Amino acid sequence: MEIANALSYPLKDKNRIVQIGLIALIPIFGQIIIFGYVMEIINSVAKGDDRALPDWGNLGENFRHGMVAGIAFIVYMLPIILLSTTSDAESYIGVVIALVLGFPLGFLYMVAVLRYAAEEKLQSFVDIGKN
């Protein structure tokens, strides 16, 4: 996909942007639903359908996909969370280790999310060898 197409893709459907904005106003649940909708967008683009944004479809499915990805994010980032909360305020070793771990764990998480969006299998988050 070209950069211009990637930047203009979300703007193809003005009504959908308004709907996303309204759903984003719902605390916590709205963001989870939007994250699930992003998974649906990734899935449709992976299948080659990048003409327009997909329909909202089932909000329950979007919520489920968003929750799965959110829980996976917490699990992937758990080492960083533990290191940054247990480090001494005067020693920055825990923070430095957390930063060093953050990039590879973040990259693995992003790849796993892309695979989960395309395959819709929970196994995508634990198949590290394929990520």
N, C-alpha and C. Protein backbone atom coordinates (compact mmCIF):
# COMPACT_ATOMS: atom_id res chain seq x y z
N MET A 1 0.86 -1.18 0.00
CA MET A 1 0.00 0.00 0.00
C MET A 1 0.90 1.24 0.00
N GLU A 2 0.58 2.20 -0.81
CA GLU A 2 1.34 3.43 -0.89
C GLU A 2 1.05 4.29 0.34
N ILE A 3 1.97 5.16 0.67
CA ILE A 3 1.82 6.02 1.85
C ILE A 3 0.61 6.93 1.71
N ALA A 4 0.40 7.48 0.54
CA ALA A 4 -0.75 8.38 0.33
C ALA A 4 -2.07 7.62 0.54
N ASN A 5 -2.13 6.40 0.04
CA ASN A 5 -3.34 5.60 0.24
C ASN A 5 -3.52 5.24 1.71
N ALA A 6 -2.43 4.93 2.38
CA ALA A 6 -2.52 4.58 3.81
C ALA A 6 -3.01 5.76 4.63
N LEU A 7 -2.59 6.96 4.29
CA LEU A 7 -3.00 8.14 5.05
C LEU A 7 -4.43 8.58 4.71
N SER A 8 -4.86 8.33 3.49
CA SER A 8 -6.20 8.76 3.10
C SER A 8 -7.27 7.69 3.35
N TYR A 9 -6.85 6.46 3.60
CA TYR A 9 -7.81 5.35 3.77
C TYR A 9 -8.84 5.62 4.88
N PRO A 10 -8.43 6.08 6.06
CA PRO A 10 -9.44 6.32 7.12
C PRO A 10 -10.43 7.42 6.78
N LEU A 11 -10.09 8.28 5.84
CA LEU A 11 -10.95 9.42 5.50
C LEU A 11 -11.92 9.11 4.35
N LYS A 12 -11.95 7.88 3.88
CA LYS A 12 -12.79 7.54 2.74
C LYS A 12 -14.28 7.62 3.06
N ASP A 13 -14.66 7.40 4.29
CA ASP A 13 -16.07 7.40 4.67
C ASP A 13 -16.26 8.38 5.83
N LYS A 14 -16.74 9.57 5.51
CA LYS A 14 -16.90 10.63 6.53
C LYS A 14 -17.91 10.23 7.61
N ASN A 15 -18.99 9.53 7.23
CA ASN A 15 -19.99 9.10 8.21
C ASN A 15 -19.39 8.13 9.22
N ARG A 16 -18.52 7.26 8.75
CA ARG A 16 -17.89 6.28 9.64
C ARG A 16 -17.00 6.98 10.65
N ILE A 17 -16.34 8.05 10.23
CA ILE A 17 -15.47 8.80 11.15
C ILE A 17 -16.30 9.42 12.27
N VAL A 18 -17.47 9.95 11.94
CA VAL A 18 -18.37 10.52 12.95
C VAL A 18 -18.83 9.43 13.91
N GLN A 19 -19.17 8.25 13.38
CA GLN A 19 -19.59 7.14 14.23
C GLN A 19 -18.47 6.73 15.18
N ILE A 20 -17.25 6.65 14.67
CA ILE A 20 -16.11 6.30 15.51
C ILE A 20 -15.94 7.34 16.61
N GLY A 21 -16.08 8.60 16.26
CA GLY A 21 -15.96 9.67 17.26
C GLY A 21 -17.01 9.56 18.35
N LEU A 22 -18.23 9.24 17.97
CA LEU A 22 -19.30 9.11 18.96
C LEU A 22 -19.07 7.90 19.87
N ILE A 23 -18.62 6.80 19.29
CA ILE A 23 -18.35 5.62 20.11
C ILE A 23 -17.16 5.87 21.04
N ALA A 24 -16.20 6.65 20.58
CA ALA A 24 -15.02 6.95 21.41
C ALA A 24 -15.40 7.73 22.66
N LEU A 25 -16.54 8.39 22.65
CA LEU A 25 -16.97 9.15 23.82
C LEU A 25 -17.44 8.26 24.96
N ILE A 26 -17.73 7.00 24.69
CA ILE A 26 -18.16 6.06 25.72
C ILE A 26 -16.90 5.61 26.48
N PRO A 27 -16.80 5.92 27.76
CA PRO A 27 -15.58 5.57 28.51
C PRO A 27 -15.30 4.07 28.50
N ILE A 28 -14.10 3.72 28.31
CA ILE A 28 -13.51 2.38 28.31
C ILE A 28 -14.14 1.47 27.25
N PHE A 29 -15.44 1.22 27.31
CA PHE A 29 -16.09 0.32 26.36
C PHE A 29 -15.96 0.82 24.92
N GLY A 30 -16.06 2.12 24.74
CA GLY A 30 -15.95 2.68 23.39
C GLY A 30 -14.58 2.43 22.79
N GLN A 31 -13.53 2.62 23.60
CA GLN A 31 -12.19 2.38 23.10
C GLN A 31 -11.97 0.92 22.77
N ILE A 32 -12.54 0.02 23.58
CA ILE A 32 -12.40 -1.41 23.32
C ILE A 32 -13.11 -1.77 22.01
N ILE A 33 -14.29 -1.22 21.79
CA ILE A 33 -15.04 -1.47 20.56
C ILE A 33 -14.27 -0.94 19.35
N ILE A 34 -13.69 0.25 19.49
CA ILE A 34 -12.92 0.82 18.38
C ILE A 34 -11.69 -0.03 18.08
N PHE A 35 -11.02 -0.54 19.12
CA PHE A 35 -9.87 -1.41 18.90
C PHE A 35 -10.29 -2.67 18.14
N GLY A 36 -11.45 -3.22 18.48
CA GLY A 36 -11.98 -4.36 17.75
C GLY A 36 -12.31 -4.01 16.31
N TYR A 37 -12.82 -2.79 16.10
CA TYR A 37 -13.13 -2.34 14.74
C TYR A 37 -11.84 -2.18 13.93
N VAL A 38 -10.78 -1.72 14.57
CA VAL A 38 -9.49 -1.63 13.88
C VAL A 38 -9.04 -3.02 13.45
N MET A 39 -9.30 -4.03 14.28
CA MET A 39 -8.99 -5.41 13.90
C MET A 39 -9.77 -5.80 12.63
N GLU A 40 -11.02 -5.37 12.58
CA GLU A 40 -11.85 -5.67 11.41
C GLU A 40 -11.28 -4.96 10.17
N ILE A 41 -10.80 -3.75 10.33
CA ILE A 41 -10.18 -3.02 9.21
C ILE A 41 -8.93 -3.76 8.74
N ILE A 42 -8.09 -4.19 9.69
CA ILE A 42 -6.87 -4.94 9.34
C ILE A 42 -7.24 -6.20 8.57
N ASN A 43 -8.27 -6.90 9.04
CA ASN A 43 -8.72 -8.13 8.40
C ASN A 43 -9.18 -7.86 6.97
N SER A 44 -9.97 -6.82 6.77
CA SER A 44 -10.49 -6.55 5.42
C SER A 44 -9.37 -6.11 4.47
N VAL A 45 -8.40 -5.34 4.97
CA VAL A 45 -7.28 -4.93 4.12
C VAL A 45 -6.40 -6.13 3.80
N ALA A 46 -6.21 -7.02 4.78
CA ALA A 46 -5.40 -8.22 4.54
C ALA A 46 -6.03 -9.11 3.47
N LYS A 47 -7.36 -9.09 3.39
CA LYS A 47 -8.06 -9.87 2.37
C LYS A 47 -8.12 -9.16 1.03
N GLY A 48 -7.58 -7.94 0.97
CA GLY A 48 -7.53 -7.20 -0.30
C GLY A 48 -8.68 -6.25 -0.52
N ASP A 49 -9.58 -6.13 0.44
CA ASP A 49 -10.72 -5.23 0.30
C ASP A 49 -10.39 -3.90 0.99
N ASP A 50 -9.69 -3.03 0.26
CA ASP A 50 -9.30 -1.75 0.85
C ASP A 50 -9.98 -0.57 0.15
N ARG A 51 -11.14 -0.85 -0.45
CA ARG A 51 -11.85 0.22 -1.15
C ARG A 51 -12.49 1.20 -0.18
N ALA A 52 -13.10 0.69 0.88
CA ALA A 52 -13.77 1.56 1.85
C ALA A 52 -13.70 0.91 3.22
N LEU A 53 -13.98 1.69 4.23
CA LEU A 53 -14.00 1.15 5.58
C LEU A 53 -15.11 0.10 5.70
N PRO A 54 -14.87 -0.98 6.43
CA PRO A 54 -15.91 -2.01 6.57
C PRO A 54 -17.07 -1.50 7.42
N ASP A 55 -18.21 -2.16 7.26
CA ASP A 55 -19.37 -1.83 8.08
C ASP A 55 -19.07 -2.19 9.53
N TRP A 56 -19.82 -1.55 10.43
CA TRP A 56 -19.62 -1.82 11.86
C TRP A 56 -19.92 -3.26 12.18
N GLY A 57 -20.86 -3.84 11.49
CA GLY A 57 -21.18 -5.23 11.77
C GLY A 57 -21.71 -5.41 13.18
N ASN A 58 -21.17 -6.38 13.87
CA ASN A 58 -21.62 -6.73 15.20
C ASN A 58 -20.74 -6.03 16.24
N LEU A 59 -21.31 -5.12 17.02
CA LEU A 59 -20.54 -4.42 18.05
C LEU A 59 -20.02 -5.39 19.09
N GLY A 60 -20.77 -6.47 19.35
CA GLY A 60 -20.32 -7.47 20.31
C GLY A 60 -19.03 -8.15 19.86
N GLU A 61 -18.95 -8.45 18.56
CA GLU A 61 -17.72 -9.04 18.01
C GLU A 61 -16.56 -8.06 18.10
N ASN A 62 -16.83 -6.80 17.78
CA ASN A 62 -15.78 -5.78 17.89
C ASN A 62 -15.30 -5.67 19.33
N PHE A 63 -16.24 -5.70 20.27
CA PHE A 63 -15.88 -5.63 21.69
C PHE A 63 -15.04 -6.84 22.09
N ARG A 64 -15.43 -8.02 21.62
CA ARG A 64 -14.69 -9.25 21.96
C ARG A 64 -13.27 -9.19 21.42
N HIS A 65 -13.12 -8.79 20.16
CA HIS A 65 -11.78 -8.71 19.57
C HIS A 65 -10.94 -7.65 20.27
N GLY A 66 -11.56 -6.54 20.63
CA GLY A 66 -10.84 -5.49 21.35
C GLY A 66 -10.40 -5.94 22.73
N MET A 67 -11.26 -6.70 23.43
CA MET A 67 -10.89 -7.23 24.75
C MET A 67 -9.75 -8.23 24.66
N VAL A 68 -9.81 -9.10 23.68
CA VAL A 68 -8.75 -10.10 23.50
C VAL A 68 -7.41 -9.40 23.26
N ALA A 69 -7.40 -8.42 22.38
CA ALA A 69 -6.16 -7.71 22.08
C ALA A 69 -5.69 -6.90 23.28
N GLY A 70 -6.62 -6.32 24.04
CA GLY A 70 -6.24 -5.56 25.23
C GLY A 70 -5.65 -6.44 26.31
N ILE A 71 -6.24 -7.60 26.54
CA ILE A 71 -5.69 -8.53 27.54
C ILE A 71 -4.33 -9.05 27.09
N ALA A 72 -4.20 -9.33 25.80
CA ALA A 72 -2.91 -9.77 25.27
C ALA A 72 -1.85 -8.69 25.45
N PHE A 73 -2.24 -7.42 25.30
CA PHE A 73 -1.30 -6.31 25.51
C PHE A 73 -0.79 -6.32 26.94
N ILE A 74 -1.70 -6.50 27.89
CA ILE A 74 -1.29 -6.53 29.30
C ILE A 74 -0.34 -7.69 29.56
N VAL A 75 -0.65 -8.86 28.99
CA VAL A 75 0.21 -10.03 29.19
C VAL A 75 1.59 -9.80 28.56
N TYR A 76 1.63 -9.26 27.35
CA TYR A 76 2.91 -9.00 26.69
C TYR A 76 3.73 -7.97 27.47
N MET A 77 3.08 -6.99 28.03
CA MET A 77 3.80 -5.92 28.72
C MET A 77 3.99 -6.16 30.21
N LEU A 78 3.55 -7.31 30.70
CA LEU A 78 3.67 -7.62 32.12
C LEU A 78 5.11 -7.54 32.64
N PRO A 79 6.09 -8.06 31.93
CA PRO A 79 7.47 -7.91 32.43
C PRO A 79 7.87 -6.44 32.60
N ILE A 80 7.47 -5.60 31.67
CA ILE A 80 7.80 -4.18 31.76
C ILE A 80 7.07 -3.54 32.93
N ILE A 81 5.80 -3.89 33.10
CA ILE A 81 5.03 -3.34 34.21
C ILE A 81 5.66 -3.73 35.54
N LEU A 82 6.02 -5.00 35.67
CA LEU A 82 6.63 -5.47 36.92
C LEU A 82 7.99 -4.83 37.17
N LEU A 83 8.81 -4.73 36.14
CA LEU A 83 10.13 -4.12 36.32
C LEU A 83 10.04 -2.65 36.66
N SER A 84 9.13 -1.93 36.04
CA SER A 84 9.06 -0.50 36.29
C SER A 84 8.42 -0.18 37.63
N THR A 85 7.57 -1.08 38.15
CA THR A 85 6.95 -0.81 39.45
C THR A 85 7.80 -1.30 40.61
N THR A 86 8.71 -2.25 40.35
CA THR A 86 9.54 -2.77 41.44
C THR A 86 10.91 -2.12 41.49
N SER A 87 11.23 -1.26 40.56
CA SER A 87 12.55 -0.64 40.56
C SER A 87 12.61 0.46 41.61
N ASP A 88 13.81 0.64 42.15
CA ASP A 88 14.04 1.70 43.13
C ASP A 88 13.97 3.05 42.45
N ALA A 89 13.49 4.03 43.15
CA ALA A 89 13.40 5.37 42.58
C ALA A 89 14.79 5.93 42.32
N GLU A 90 15.76 5.53 43.14
CA GLU A 90 17.12 6.07 42.98
C GLU A 90 17.94 5.28 41.95
N SER A 91 17.60 4.04 41.72
CA SER A 91 18.32 3.29 40.70
C SER A 91 17.42 3.15 39.48
N TYR A 92 17.95 3.48 38.37
CA TYR A 92 17.18 3.47 37.14
C TYR A 92 17.36 2.18 36.36
N ILE A 93 17.92 1.17 37.00
CA ILE A 93 18.18 -0.09 36.30
C ILE A 93 16.87 -0.72 35.81
N GLY A 94 15.86 -0.76 36.67
CA GLY A 94 14.58 -1.33 36.27
C GLY A 94 13.95 -0.59 35.12
N VAL A 95 14.07 0.73 35.13
CA VAL A 95 13.50 1.55 34.06
C VAL A 95 14.25 1.31 32.75
N VAL A 96 15.57 1.23 32.84
CA VAL A 96 16.37 0.99 31.64
C VAL A 96 16.06 -0.39 31.06
N ILE A 97 15.97 -1.40 31.93
CA ILE A 97 15.62 -2.74 31.46
C ILE A 97 14.24 -2.74 30.83
N ALA A 98 13.30 -2.02 31.45
CA ALA A 98 11.95 -1.93 30.90
C ALA A 98 11.96 -1.28 29.52
N LEU A 99 12.76 -0.25 29.34
CA LEU A 99 12.85 0.39 28.03
C LEU A 99 13.47 -0.54 27.00
N VAL A 100 14.50 -1.27 27.42
CA VAL A 100 15.17 -2.20 26.50
C VAL A 100 14.22 -3.33 26.10
N LEU A 101 13.43 -3.82 27.05
CA LEU A 101 12.47 -4.89 26.74
C LEU A 101 11.26 -4.36 25.97
N GLY A 102 10.95 -3.09 26.15
CA GLY A 102 9.74 -2.53 25.56
C GLY A 102 9.70 -2.60 24.06
N PHE A 103 10.81 -2.34 23.40
CA PHE A 103 10.81 -2.34 21.94
C PHE A 103 10.59 -3.73 21.35
N PRO A 104 11.35 -4.76 21.79
CA PRO A 104 11.07 -6.07 21.19
C PRO A 104 9.71 -6.63 21.58
N LEU A 105 9.28 -6.42 22.82
CA LEU A 105 7.96 -6.92 23.23
C LEU A 105 6.85 -6.17 22.49
N GLY A 106 7.03 -4.87 22.31
CA GLY A 106 6.04 -4.10 21.55
C GLY A 106 5.96 -4.55 20.11
N PHE A 107 7.11 -4.84 19.52
CA PHE A 107 7.13 -5.32 18.13
C PHE A 107 6.44 -6.67 18.03
N LEU A 108 6.77 -7.60 18.95
CA LEU A 108 6.12 -8.92 18.94
C LEU A 108 4.62 -8.79 19.11
N TYR A 109 4.20 -7.87 19.98
CA TYR A 109 2.76 -7.66 20.20
C TYR A 109 2.08 -7.16 18.93
N MET A 110 2.71 -6.20 18.26
CA MET A 110 2.09 -5.66 17.04
C MET A 110 1.96 -6.74 15.97
N VAL A 111 2.97 -7.57 15.81
CA VAL A 111 2.91 -8.65 14.83
C VAL A 111 1.81 -9.65 15.21
N ALA A 112 1.73 -9.96 16.51
CA ALA A 112 0.70 -10.90 16.98
C ALA A 112 -0.70 -10.33 16.75
N VAL A 113 -0.88 -9.03 16.96
CA VAL A 113 -2.18 -8.39 16.73
C VAL A 113 -2.54 -8.46 15.25
N LEU A 114 -1.59 -8.21 14.39
CA LEU A 114 -1.85 -8.30 12.95
C LEU A 114 -2.24 -9.72 12.56
N ARG A 115 -1.55 -10.71 13.11
CA ARG A 115 -1.89 -12.10 12.81
C ARG A 115 -3.26 -12.45 13.38
N TYR A 116 -3.55 -11.98 14.60
CA TYR A 116 -4.86 -12.27 15.21
C TYR A 116 -5.97 -11.64 14.38
N ALA A 117 -5.75 -10.42 13.91
CA ALA A 117 -6.78 -9.75 13.11
C ALA A 117 -7.03 -10.49 11.80
N ALA A 118 -5.98 -11.04 11.22
CA ALA A 118 -6.14 -11.75 9.95
C ALA A 118 -6.69 -13.16 10.13
N GLU A 119 -6.26 -13.86 11.20
CA GLU A 119 -6.64 -15.26 11.38
C GLU A 119 -7.78 -15.45 12.38
N GLU A 120 -7.97 -14.49 13.28
CA GLU A 120 -8.97 -14.56 14.35
C GLU A 120 -8.80 -15.82 15.20
N LYS A 121 -7.55 -16.13 15.53
CA LYS A 121 -7.24 -17.27 16.39
C LYS A 121 -6.43 -16.77 17.58
N LEU A 122 -6.82 -17.19 18.79
CA LEU A 122 -6.08 -16.80 19.99
C LEU A 122 -4.65 -17.30 19.95
N GLN A 123 -4.42 -18.37 19.25
CA GLN A 123 -3.09 -18.95 19.16
C GLN A 123 -2.08 -17.98 18.53
N SER A 124 -2.57 -16.97 17.83
CA SER A 124 -1.68 -15.98 17.21
C SER A 124 -0.84 -15.25 18.23
N PHE A 125 -1.35 -15.13 19.44
CA PHE A 125 -0.62 -14.40 20.48
C PHE A 125 0.47 -15.24 21.15
N VAL A 126 0.38 -16.56 21.05
CA VAL A 126 1.37 -17.40 21.72
C VAL A 126 2.32 -18.11 20.76
N ASP A 127 2.06 -18.07 19.48
CA ASP A 127 2.97 -18.67 18.51
C ASP A 127 4.10 -17.69 18.23
N ILE A 128 5.01 -17.58 19.17
CA ILE A 128 6.11 -16.61 19.06
C ILE A 128 6.98 -16.92 17.84
N GLY A 129 7.17 -18.18 17.54
CA GLY A 129 8.01 -18.57 16.41
C GLY A 129 7.48 -18.06 15.09
N LYS A 130 6.16 -17.96 14.96
CA LYS A 130 5.56 -17.46 13.72
C LYS A 130 5.51 -15.94 13.70
N ASN A 131 5.57 -15.32 14.88
CA ASN A 131 5.53 -13.86 14.94
C ASN A 131 6.86 -13.32 14.51
